[in-house]
Amino acid sequence: MCRYDRMHARSVVVAVAVFAALLIPQVADASGGRFTDDDNSVFESDIEWLAATGITRGCDTWSFCPDDPLTRAQFATFIRRAFVDFAPEPSGESTFDDISQSVHSSDIEWLATTGITRGCSEGRFCPDSPLTRGEFAAFMRRTLGNDIDVTDSQSFEDTDGHVFASDAGWLAGSGITRGCGDGSDFCPDDTLARGQMAAFTRRAFDALGVDPPSYDVPEVPNGLDDDFETEVVDLLSGDSEIWRVYNAEAASILDIGVTRPGSLVIVPREELHNGWYADHKGPYVYQEVRGDFTMEITLSVLSATNPIAGSQPGPGYNSGGIVVRDVSRPGDNWVMYNMGNQDVTGYQREVKTTVNSSSVLNLYAQAATRHRLMVCRTGSEIHYFQGSADGDEWTEEVSFHDRPDFGETLQVGLVATAWSGSPAPFVDVELVAFGEPGHAVPCPITN
């Protein structure tokens, strides 16, 4: 057994109850790895710089999609966020009739009213079409041409006679582009990749000689929800702002603060045979977590028929606890740490590992229906601990530590399983605490 400093752990976690905005004032020093898919990109430093300003939020929580083509609609949003202070004053009205369904419609309207865009054809903007390098050059010149003094415009071999030849020359003369290939060509008809856009945007601010604007950067949901009192919601309706829900239809009760104030309650439908085993999956409430982490929960696993009396669910792997899941490749790949009435041997804790849909498990005697469990990730290892009632000691379960196959970003969350037998479990989670990934919350490993 080892001691675990709960007060220290609390001091280094961050709140996820509200996605608090994080303002980063010194973007010139931006570094690190917000995105996981730019690590091998030549534009990594430019992409992370762009993320630190808040000009980009990525293509999803952990990805920027640097090699994807930049659409014309996406570019409208990027250019407005980055260069709104330099663009011509909006005037007139937009006449585009193909942008009403675009999430970027207001930015496209702005681009049109400033005169930066003239559309792709009469009355159309073509928001989903990829942006070409030549179009990018024209847009940037119309936006920044009065603010960047170019005295030495460069000619490219492949832009002679091209409609965007002078724009490409201006872009090169400003230092924003270095051409393509060996630099003698510009490739004006090639699509512009998102990573290239990040580099061009950063060079544009270098040419302007000013810092970019700073926008509020939504904090990634890796932190603490101490008592579930910050969100009261029926998760079966799917409208949680904090938690994602998988396979909600396998639950008869799935809510925060409704069935029991201050608790997350999951009751699986026992008739669906929805225990987590091989390819079977019951209701799952999770967050995405990147890198190393510590997750601690306090839970009770009771009978759904009479939870107030504190009675146990029926035998048959009727349980609740933590699942850490990798969905980055085919097959089911996850680890589980739970407790409940497992099989004919009675109430126990269970540690299970599943690799490519093949599951093995270990069981440990468990006396109380209310307990504390912890899962830690440290590099390629997953460790499991059961805690003392006073919160000061943790004992490690010796089970299935090595998971080098797990990717950088994992789903980490809570489940309730009803494999067989009746009554189903009533899983009451009073506390869930995430140690901030990659930071000081220790995994109390004993070796």
Protein backbone atom coordinates (compact mmCIF):
# COMPACT_ATOMS: atom_id res chain seq x y z
CA MET A 1 0.00 0.00 0.00
CA CYS A 2 1.09 3.60 -0.48
CA ARG A 3 -0.02 7.06 0.53
CA TYR A 4 -1.67 9.38 -1.97
CA ASP A 5 -1.90 13.10 -1.30
CA ARG A 6 -5.51 13.98 -2.19
CA MET A 7 -5.04 17.65 -1.33
CA HIS A 8 -2.08 17.86 -3.72
CA ALA A 9 -4.11 16.13 -6.37
CA ARG A 10 -6.87 18.71 -6.03
CA SER A 11 -4.37 21.53 -6.47
CA VAL A 12 -3.31 20.42 -9.93
CA VAL A 13 -6.58 19.48 -11.54
CA VAL A 14 -8.60 21.84 -13.71
CA ALA A 15 -12.35 22.26 -13.81
CA VAL A 16 -14.36 20.68 -16.58
CA ALA A 17 -17.74 21.58 -15.16
CA VAL A 18 -17.71 24.57 -17.48
CA PHE A 19 -15.46 24.77 -20.51
CA ALA A 20 -13.79 27.86 -19.16
CA ALA A 21 -12.07 30.09 -21.69
CA LEU A 22 -8.29 30.24 -21.43
CA LEU A 23 -6.71 33.43 -22.76
CA ILE A 24 -3.13 33.02 -24.00
CA PRO A 25 -1.59 36.49 -24.28
CA GLN A 26 1.96 35.59 -25.40
CA VAL A 27 1.35 33.68 -28.59
CA ALA A 28 4.87 34.35 -29.82
CA ASP A 29 6.04 31.76 -27.30
CA ALA A 30 3.34 29.23 -28.18
CA SER A 31 4.63 25.68 -28.24
CA GLY A 32 3.62 22.23 -27.18
CA GLY A 33 1.16 19.82 -28.68
CA ARG A 34 -2.51 20.76 -28.66
CA PHE A 35 -3.04 18.62 -31.75
CA THR A 36 -1.99 15.01 -32.14
CA ASP A 37 -1.97 14.78 -35.92
CA ASP A 38 0.63 17.46 -36.68
CA ASP A 39 3.62 15.84 -34.97
CA ASN A 40 5.24 14.81 -38.24
CA SER A 41 4.18 17.88 -40.18
CA VAL A 42 6.70 20.44 -41.40
CA PHE A 43 4.10 23.00 -40.35
CA GLU A 44 3.76 21.79 -36.74
CA SER A 45 5.14 24.96 -35.13
CA ASP A 46 2.91 27.13 -37.35
CA ILE A 47 -0.18 25.04 -36.54
CA GLU A 48 0.45 25.12 -32.78
CA TRP A 49 1.11 28.87 -33.00
CA LEU A 50 -2.22 29.30 -34.78
CA ALA A 51 -3.98 27.21 -32.10
CA ALA A 52 -2.45 29.31 -29.31
CA THR A 53 -3.93 32.47 -30.81
CA GLY A 54 -7.40 30.95 -30.92
CA ILE A 55 -7.64 31.63 -34.66
CA THR A 56 -8.09 27.89 -35.15
CA ARG A 57 -9.91 25.36 -32.96
CA GLY A 58 -8.93 22.39 -35.14
CA CYS A 59 -11.04 20.01 -37.14
CA ASP A 60 -11.96 18.16 -33.90
CA THR A 61 -10.85 18.15 -30.28
CA TRP A 62 -7.36 16.79 -30.86
CA SER A 63 -6.82 17.14 -34.61
CA PHE A 64 -6.01 19.93 -37.05
CA CYS A 65 -6.08 17.85 -40.29
CA PRO A 66 -2.98 19.58 -41.69
CA ASP A 67 -3.00 17.72 -45.01
CA ASP A 68 -6.69 18.24 -45.74
CA PRO A 69 -7.58 20.83 -48.37
CA LEU A 70 -8.75 24.14 -46.98
CA THR A 71 -12.27 24.89 -48.19
CA ARG A 72 -13.30 28.35 -49.29
CA ALA A 73 -15.74 28.55 -46.37
CA GLN A 74 -13.09 27.59 -43.81
CA PHE A 75 -10.79 30.21 -45.27
CA ALA A 76 -13.45 32.88 -44.84
CA THR A 77 -13.53 32.16 -41.11
CA PHE A 78 -9.74 32.00 -40.76
CA ILE A 79 -9.14 35.27 -42.62
CA ARG A 80 -11.82 37.11 -40.69
CA ARG A 81 -10.50 35.98 -37.31
CA ALA A 82 -6.91 36.76 -38.23
CA PHE A 83 -7.10 39.94 -40.30
CA VAL A 84 -10.38 41.66 -39.48
CA ASP A 85 -8.44 44.74 -38.31
CA PHE A 86 -6.69 45.09 -41.69
CA ALA A 87 -9.52 44.33 -44.10
CA PRO A 88 -11.50 47.00 -45.96
CA GLU A 89 -14.60 48.28 -44.19
CA PRO A 90 -17.70 46.22 -45.02
CA SER A 91 -20.16 47.93 -47.33
CA GLY A 92 -23.04 46.80 -49.47
CA GLU A 93 -24.71 43.41 -49.34
CA SER A 94 -23.83 39.85 -50.28
CA THR A 95 -25.79 38.22 -53.08
CA PHE A 96 -24.62 34.62 -52.64
CA ASP A 97 -27.43 32.09 -52.72
CA ASP A 98 -25.41 28.95 -51.86
CA ILE A 99 -24.22 29.73 -48.33
CA SER A 100 -27.37 29.57 -46.19
CA GLN A 101 -26.59 26.06 -44.93
CA SER A 102 -22.93 26.76 -44.16
CA VAL A 103 -21.75 27.23 -40.56
CA HIS A 104 -19.37 29.80 -42.04
CA SER A 105 -22.13 31.88 -43.66
CA SER A 106 -21.60 35.03 -41.56
CA ASP A 107 -17.86 35.00 -42.33
CA ILE A 108 -18.55 34.53 -46.03
CA GLU A 109 -20.98 37.45 -45.92
CA TRP A 110 -18.29 39.56 -44.30
CA LEU A 111 -15.77 38.51 -46.95
CA ALA A 112 -18.20 39.58 -49.66
CA THR A 113 -19.19 42.92 -48.14
CA THR A 114 -15.54 43.93 -47.70
CA GLY A 115 -14.91 43.24 -51.39
CA ILE A 116 -12.30 40.57 -50.63
CA THR A 117 -14.29 37.97 -52.55
CA ARG A 118 -16.32 38.21 -55.72
CA GLY A 119 -17.59 34.65 -55.53
CA CYS A 120 -16.92 31.69 -57.78
CA SER A 121 -19.61 32.58 -60.31
CA GLU A 122 -22.67 34.79 -60.56
CA GLY A 123 -24.47 34.68 -57.19
CA ARG A 124 -22.41 31.78 -55.83
CA PHE A 125 -19.47 31.42 -53.43
CA CYS A 126 -18.88 27.62 -53.66
CA PRO A 127 -18.25 27.30 -49.89
CA ASP A 128 -17.33 23.61 -49.94
CA SER A 129 -14.90 23.82 -52.85
CA PRO A 130 -11.20 23.62 -52.01
CA LEU A 131 -9.33 26.90 -52.07
CA THR A 132 -6.51 27.08 -54.63
CA ARG A 133 -3.17 28.69 -53.95
CA GLY A 134 -3.92 31.30 -56.60
CA GLU A 135 -7.23 32.21 -54.99
CA PHE A 136 -5.49 32.45 -51.62
CA ALA A 137 -2.95 34.89 -53.07
CA ALA A 138 -5.71 37.11 -54.44
CA PHE A 139 -7.67 37.08 -51.17
CA MET A 140 -4.58 37.95 -49.12
CA ARG A 141 -3.58 40.78 -51.43
CA ARG A 142 -7.06 42.28 -51.31
CA THR A 143 -6.96 42.04 -47.50
CA LEU A 144 -3.41 43.20 -46.73
CA GLY A 145 -2.27 44.97 -49.90
CA ASN A 146 -2.46 48.40 -48.28
CA ASP A 147 -0.59 47.29 -45.15
CA ILE A 148 2.36 45.34 -46.57
CA ASP A 149 4.67 47.35 -48.81
CA VAL A 150 6.10 45.12 -51.55
CA THR A 151 8.78 46.67 -53.72
CA ASP A 152 10.27 43.50 -55.22
CA SER A 153 7.48 41.35 -56.65
CA GLN A 154 8.66 37.90 -57.69
CA SER A 155 7.71 36.15 -60.95
CA PHE A 156 7.10 32.41 -61.04
CA GLU A 157 7.64 30.29 -64.15
CA ASP A 158 4.18 28.69 -63.95
CA THR A 159 2.14 31.89 -63.40
CA ASP A 160 2.95 33.62 -66.69
CA GLY A 161 -0.41 34.64 -68.16
CA HIS A 162 -2.30 33.24 -65.17
CA VAL A 163 -5.21 35.25 -63.79
CA PHE A 164 -3.54 35.32 -60.36
CA ALA A 165 0.02 36.01 -61.60
CA SER A 166 0.33 39.47 -60.03
CA ASP A 167 -1.24 38.24 -56.77
CA ALA A 168 1.25 35.36 -56.56
CA GLY A 169 4.09 37.79 -57.21
CA TRP A 170 2.85 40.09 -54.44
CA LEU A 171 2.55 37.14 -52.04
CA ALA A 172 6.15 36.16 -52.74
CA GLY A 173 7.42 39.71 -52.49
CA SER A 174 5.81 40.06 -49.07
CA GLY A 175 7.61 36.94 -47.81
CA ILE A 176 4.38 35.05 -47.22
CA THR A 177 5.14 32.36 -49.82
CA ARG A 178 8.34 30.70 -50.98
CA GLY A 179 6.71 29.01 -53.93
CA CYS A 180 6.36 25.29 -54.46
CA GLY A 181 8.91 22.63 -55.40
CA ASP A 182 12.32 24.29 -55.80
CA GLY A 183 10.73 27.74 -55.54
CA SER A 184 10.66 28.54 -59.24
CA ASP A 185 6.94 27.69 -59.46
CA PHE A 186 3.93 28.77 -57.40
CA CYS A 187 1.46 25.99 -58.34
CA PRO A 188 -1.48 28.42 -58.48
CA ASP A 189 -4.07 25.78 -59.36
CA ASP A 190 -3.10 23.36 -56.59
CA THR A 191 -5.39 23.20 -53.58
CA LEU A 192 -4.14 24.86 -50.41
CA ALA A 193 -3.65 22.49 -47.47
CA ARG A 194 -4.63 23.54 -43.95
CA GLY A 195 -1.03 23.19 -42.77
CA GLN A 196 0.16 25.51 -45.55
CA MET A 197 -2.47 28.03 -44.52
CA ALA A 198 -1.08 28.03 -40.97
CA ALA A 199 2.41 28.80 -42.26
CA PHE A 200 1.16 31.55 -44.60
CA THR A 201 -0.83 33.17 -41.79
CA ARG A 202 2.15 33.24 -39.45
CA ARG A 203 4.41 34.71 -42.15
CA ALA A 204 1.78 37.35 -42.90
CA PHE A 205 1.98 38.62 -39.33
CA ASP A 206 5.76 38.62 -39.57
CA ALA A 207 5.44 40.79 -42.67
CA LEU A 208 2.95 43.09 -40.92
CA GLY A 209 5.26 43.39 -37.92
CA VAL A 210 2.44 43.02 -35.39
CA ASP A 211 1.15 40.36 -33.06
CA PRO A 212 -1.97 38.44 -34.09
CA PRO A 213 -5.23 38.87 -32.20
CA SER A 214 -5.83 36.58 -29.24
CA TYR A 215 -9.14 34.79 -28.94
CA ASP A 216 -10.48 32.79 -26.02
CA VAL A 217 -9.25 29.22 -26.40
CA PRO A 218 -11.77 26.63 -25.14
CA GLU A 219 -10.14 24.49 -22.50
CA VAL A 220 -9.85 20.81 -23.37
CA PRO A 221 -12.04 18.70 -21.06
CA ASN A 222 -9.38 17.11 -18.86
CA GLY A 223 -10.09 18.06 -15.30
CA LEU A 224 -12.33 17.74 -12.32
CA ASP A 225 -16.05 17.37 -11.80
CA ASP A 226 -15.96 16.97 -8.06
CA ASP A 227 -19.53 16.20 -7.14
CA PHE A 228 -21.68 16.33 -10.31
CA GLU A 229 -23.53 19.34 -8.92
CA THR A 230 -22.47 21.56 -11.81
CA GLU A 231 -24.71 19.86 -14.35
CA VAL A 232 -28.18 18.41 -13.81
CA VAL A 233 -29.23 16.61 -16.95
CA ASP A 234 -30.93 13.52 -18.30
CA LEU A 235 -28.12 11.97 -20.34
CA LEU A 236 -30.62 9.82 -22.23
CA SER A 237 -31.59 13.02 -24.04
CA GLY A 238 -27.98 13.50 -25.18
CA ASP A 239 -27.74 17.20 -24.28
CA SER A 240 -24.83 17.14 -21.82
CA GLU A 241 -22.28 19.90 -22.24
CA ILE A 242 -19.59 17.97 -20.36
CA TRP A 243 -20.00 14.25 -20.97
CA ARG A 244 -20.35 12.29 -24.17
CA VAL A 245 -22.63 9.26 -24.16
CA TYR A 246 -22.25 6.00 -26.07
CA ASN A 247 -25.04 3.42 -26.37
CA ALA A 248 -27.48 5.40 -24.22
CA GLU A 249 -30.36 3.24 -25.42
CA ALA A 250 -28.93 0.36 -23.36
CA ALA A 251 -29.79 2.24 -20.14
CA SER A 252 -33.12 2.61 -18.40
CA ILE A 253 -31.73 5.40 -16.17
CA LEU A 254 -28.80 7.63 -17.17
CA ASP A 255 -28.66 11.06 -15.57
CA ILE A 256 -26.69 13.53 -13.46
CA GLY A 257 -28.38 14.98 -10.39
CA VAL A 258 -31.89 13.82 -11.33
CA THR A 259 -32.27 10.39 -9.75
CA ARG A 260 -29.86 11.28 -6.95
CA PRO A 261 -28.70 14.89 -6.38
CA GLY A 262 -24.95 15.21 -6.76
CA SER A 263 -24.53 11.79 -8.41
CA LEU A 264 -24.30 10.26 -11.84
CA VAL A 265 -26.64 7.26 -11.95
CA ILE A 266 -26.58 4.49 -14.56
CA VAL A 267 -28.98 1.57 -14.62
CA PRO A 268 -28.50 -0.75 -17.62
CA ARG A 269 -31.32 -2.66 -19.24
CA GLU A 270 -30.68 -6.19 -18.01
CA GLU A 271 -32.67 -7.77 -20.84
CA LEU A 272 -30.14 -6.50 -23.40
CA HIS A 273 -27.19 -8.62 -22.21
CA ASN A 274 -25.05 -5.49 -22.32
CA GLY A 275 -22.04 -6.24 -20.18
CA TRP A 276 -18.65 -5.10 -21.46
CA TYR A 277 -17.08 -8.28 -22.77
CA ALA A 278 -15.46 -8.88 -26.18
CA ASP A 279 -17.68 -6.90 -28.60
CA HIS A 280 -20.55 -6.35 -26.13
CA LYS A 281 -20.90 -2.79 -24.83
CA GLY A 282 -23.42 -1.27 -22.44
CA PRO A 283 -24.11 2.41 -21.70
CA TYR A 284 -20.90 4.48 -21.47
CA VAL A 285 -20.45 8.08 -20.29
CA TYR A 286 -17.00 9.41 -21.16
CA GLN A 287 -14.62 12.22 -21.97
CA GLU A 288 -11.67 12.23 -24.36
CA VAL A 289 -8.34 12.39 -22.53
CA ARG A 290 -4.93 12.77 -24.09
CA GLY A 291 -1.67 11.48 -22.63
CA ASP A 292 -1.04 10.32 -19.07
CA PHE A 293 -3.86 10.74 -16.55
CA THR A 294 -5.25 9.66 -13.19
CA MET A 295 -8.98 9.02 -12.78
CA GLU A 296 -10.48 8.44 -9.34
CA ILE A 297 -14.11 7.61 -8.62
CA THR A 298 -16.26 6.95 -5.56
CA LEU A 299 -19.23 4.74 -6.39
CA SER A 300 -21.88 2.42 -5.04
CA VAL A 301 -23.13 -0.60 -6.99
CA LEU A 302 -26.51 -1.64 -5.63
CA SER A 303 -29.68 -3.44 -6.63
CA ALA A 304 -31.85 -1.52 -9.11
CA THR A 305 -34.89 -3.04 -7.40
CA ASN A 306 -34.11 -1.60 -3.98
CA PRO A 307 -31.07 0.71 -3.97
CA ILE A 308 -32.19 2.59 -0.86
CA ALA A 309 -31.80 -0.55 1.25
CA GLY A 310 -28.23 -0.96 0.01
CA SER A 311 -28.80 -4.47 -1.30
CA GLN A 312 -26.61 -6.01 -4.00
CA PRO A 313 -27.58 -6.58 -7.63
CA GLY A 314 -28.11 -10.13 -8.80
CA PRO A 315 -25.12 -12.32 -9.66
CA GLY A 316 -24.02 -12.47 -13.30
CA TYR A 317 -21.47 -9.66 -13.86
CA ASN A 318 -23.87 -6.94 -12.83
CA SER A 319 -21.41 -4.17 -12.04
CA GLY A 320 -20.20 -0.61 -12.62
CA GLY A 321 -16.92 1.24 -12.89
CA ILE A 322 -14.31 2.68 -15.28
CA VAL A 323 -13.57 1.89 -18.92
CA VAL A 324 -10.55 3.28 -20.80
CA ARG A 325 -11.08 2.77 -24.51
CA ASP A 326 -9.07 3.25 -27.72
CA VAL A 327 -11.23 3.69 -30.82
CA SER A 328 -8.44 4.71 -33.20
CA ARG A 329 -8.30 1.35 -34.97
CA PRO A 330 -10.63 -1.56 -35.83
CA GLY A 331 -11.73 -4.05 -33.18
CA ASP A 332 -12.58 -3.49 -29.53
CA ASN A 333 -9.60 -2.34 -27.47
CA TRP A 334 -10.10 -1.26 -23.89
CA VAL A 335 -9.47 -1.93 -20.20
CA MET A 336 -12.06 -2.00 -17.45
CA TYR A 337 -11.98 -1.65 -13.65
CA ASN A 338 -15.31 -2.19 -11.92
CA MET A 339 -17.07 -3.80 -8.97
CA GLY A 340 -20.35 -5.59 -8.43
CA ASN A 341 -21.94 -9.02 -8.12
CA GLN A 342 -19.81 -10.73 -10.71
CA ASP A 343 -20.59 -14.46 -10.80
CA VAL A 344 -21.45 -17.31 -8.41
CA THR A 345 -18.49 -16.36 -6.20
CA GLY A 346 -20.24 -13.13 -5.18
CA TYR A 347 -19.45 -9.44 -4.88
CA GLN A 348 -16.01 -8.61 -6.31
CA ARG A 349 -13.81 -6.10 -8.09
CA GLU A 350 -12.98 -6.94 -11.69
CA VAL A 351 -10.04 -5.93 -13.89
CA LYS A 352 -10.46 -6.78 -17.54
CA THR A 353 -8.39 -6.16 -20.66
CA THR A 354 -9.66 -6.50 -24.21
CA VAL A 355 -7.32 -6.63 -27.21
CA ASN A 356 -8.87 -6.81 -30.68
CA SER A 357 -12.17 -8.03 -29.17
CA SER A 358 -10.53 -10.77 -27.09
CA SER A 359 -11.11 -10.31 -23.34
CA VAL A 360 -9.50 -11.76 -20.20
CA LEU A 361 -10.19 -10.79 -16.59
CA ASN A 362 -9.14 -11.12 -12.96
CA LEU A 363 -11.45 -10.96 -9.91
CA TYR A 364 -10.74 -9.76 -6.36
CA ALA A 365 -12.84 -10.05 -3.20
CA GLN A 366 -14.83 -6.90 -2.42
CA ALA A 367 -16.73 -6.52 0.88
CA ALA A 368 -18.51 -3.16 0.60
CA THR A 369 -21.01 -1.99 -2.01
CA ARG A 370 -19.53 1.54 -1.79
CA HIS A 371 -15.85 1.94 -2.63
CA ARG A 372 -13.15 4.01 -4.34
CA LEU A 373 -11.40 2.99 -7.55
CA MET A 374 -8.56 4.59 -9.50
CA VAL A 375 -7.09 4.04 -12.96
CA CYS A 376 -3.79 5.61 -14.02
CA ARG A 377 -2.07 5.78 -17.36
CA THR A 378 1.70 6.23 -17.41
CA GLY A 379 3.12 5.87 -20.90
CA SER A 380 2.19 2.45 -22.21
CA GLU A 381 1.06 1.13 -18.82
CA ILE A 382 -2.37 1.14 -17.17
CA HIS A 383 -2.50 0.71 -13.37
CA TYR A 384 -5.50 -0.04 -11.14
CA PHE A 385 -5.95 0.83 -7.45
CA GLN A 386 -8.65 0.33 -4.83
CA GLY A 387 -8.78 2.93 -2.08
CA SER A 388 -9.26 2.99 1.65
CA ALA A 389 -12.32 4.63 3.13
CA ASP A 390 -10.34 7.53 4.66
CA GLY A 391 -8.91 8.47 1.27
CA ASP A 392 -5.23 8.23 2.24
CA GLU A 393 -4.18 4.78 1.04
CA TRP A 394 -4.37 2.93 -2.26
CA THR A 395 -3.64 -0.72 -2.95
CA GLU A 396 -2.63 -1.72 -6.45
CA GLU A 397 -4.33 -4.59 -8.28
CA VAL A 398 -1.75 -6.71 -10.10
CA SER A 399 -3.45 -6.99 -13.50
CA PHE A 400 -2.89 -6.34 -17.21
CA HIS A 401 -0.64 -3.31 -17.02
CA ASP A 402 0.97 -3.31 -20.44
CA ARG A 403 -1.06 -1.67 -23.26
CA PRO A 404 1.52 -0.30 -25.72
CA ASP A 405 -1.12 -0.51 -28.44
CA PHE A 406 -3.13 2.35 -26.93
CA GLY A 407 -3.01 5.63 -28.86
CA GLU A 408 -2.33 9.08 -27.45
CA THR A 409 -6.02 10.02 -27.12
CA LEU A 410 -8.42 7.71 -25.28
CA GLN A 411 -12.01 7.66 -24.18
CA VAL A 412 -12.12 7.55 -20.36
CA GLY A 413 -15.43 7.11 -18.62
CA LEU A 414 -18.05 5.26 -16.60
CA VAL A 415 -20.13 2.19 -17.37
CA ALA A 416 -22.78 -0.06 -15.90
CA THR A 417 -22.99 -3.68 -17.05
CA ALA A 418 -25.82 -6.20 -16.90
CA TRP A 419 -24.50 -9.46 -18.32
CA SER A 420 -26.98 -11.92 -16.84
CA GLY A 421 -29.13 -12.36 -13.77
CA SER A 422 -31.53 -10.06 -11.98
CA PRO A 423 -31.89 -7.47 -10.55
CA ALA A 424 -29.73 -5.14 -12.65
CA PRO A 425 -27.13 -2.88 -10.97
CA PHE A 426 -27.92 0.63 -9.78
CA VAL A 427 -24.56 2.39 -10.28
CA ASP A 428 -24.30 5.59 -8.22
CA VAL A 429 -21.09 7.60 -8.89
CA GLU A 430 -20.64 10.31 -6.26
CA LEU A 431 -17.26 11.64 -7.36
CA VAL A 432 -15.07 11.47 -10.43
CA ALA A 433 -11.74 13.27 -10.46
CA PHE A 434 -9.36 13.45 -13.41
CA GLY A 435 -5.74 14.30 -12.80
CA GLU A 436 -4.70 16.65 -15.58
CA PRO A 437 -2.93 14.54 -18.24
CA GLY A 438 0.81 14.97 -18.37
CA HIS A 439 0.97 16.96 -15.15
CA ALA A 440 1.62 16.43 -11.47
CA VAL A 441 -1.19 14.17 -10.30
CA PRO A 442 0.80 11.07 -9.38
CA CYS A 443 -0.11 7.50 -10.09
CA PRO A 444 0.66 5.81 -6.74
CA ILE A 445 2.64 2.94 -8.26
CA THR A 446 4.24 0.81 -5.58
CA ASN A 447 7.19 -0.60 -7.52
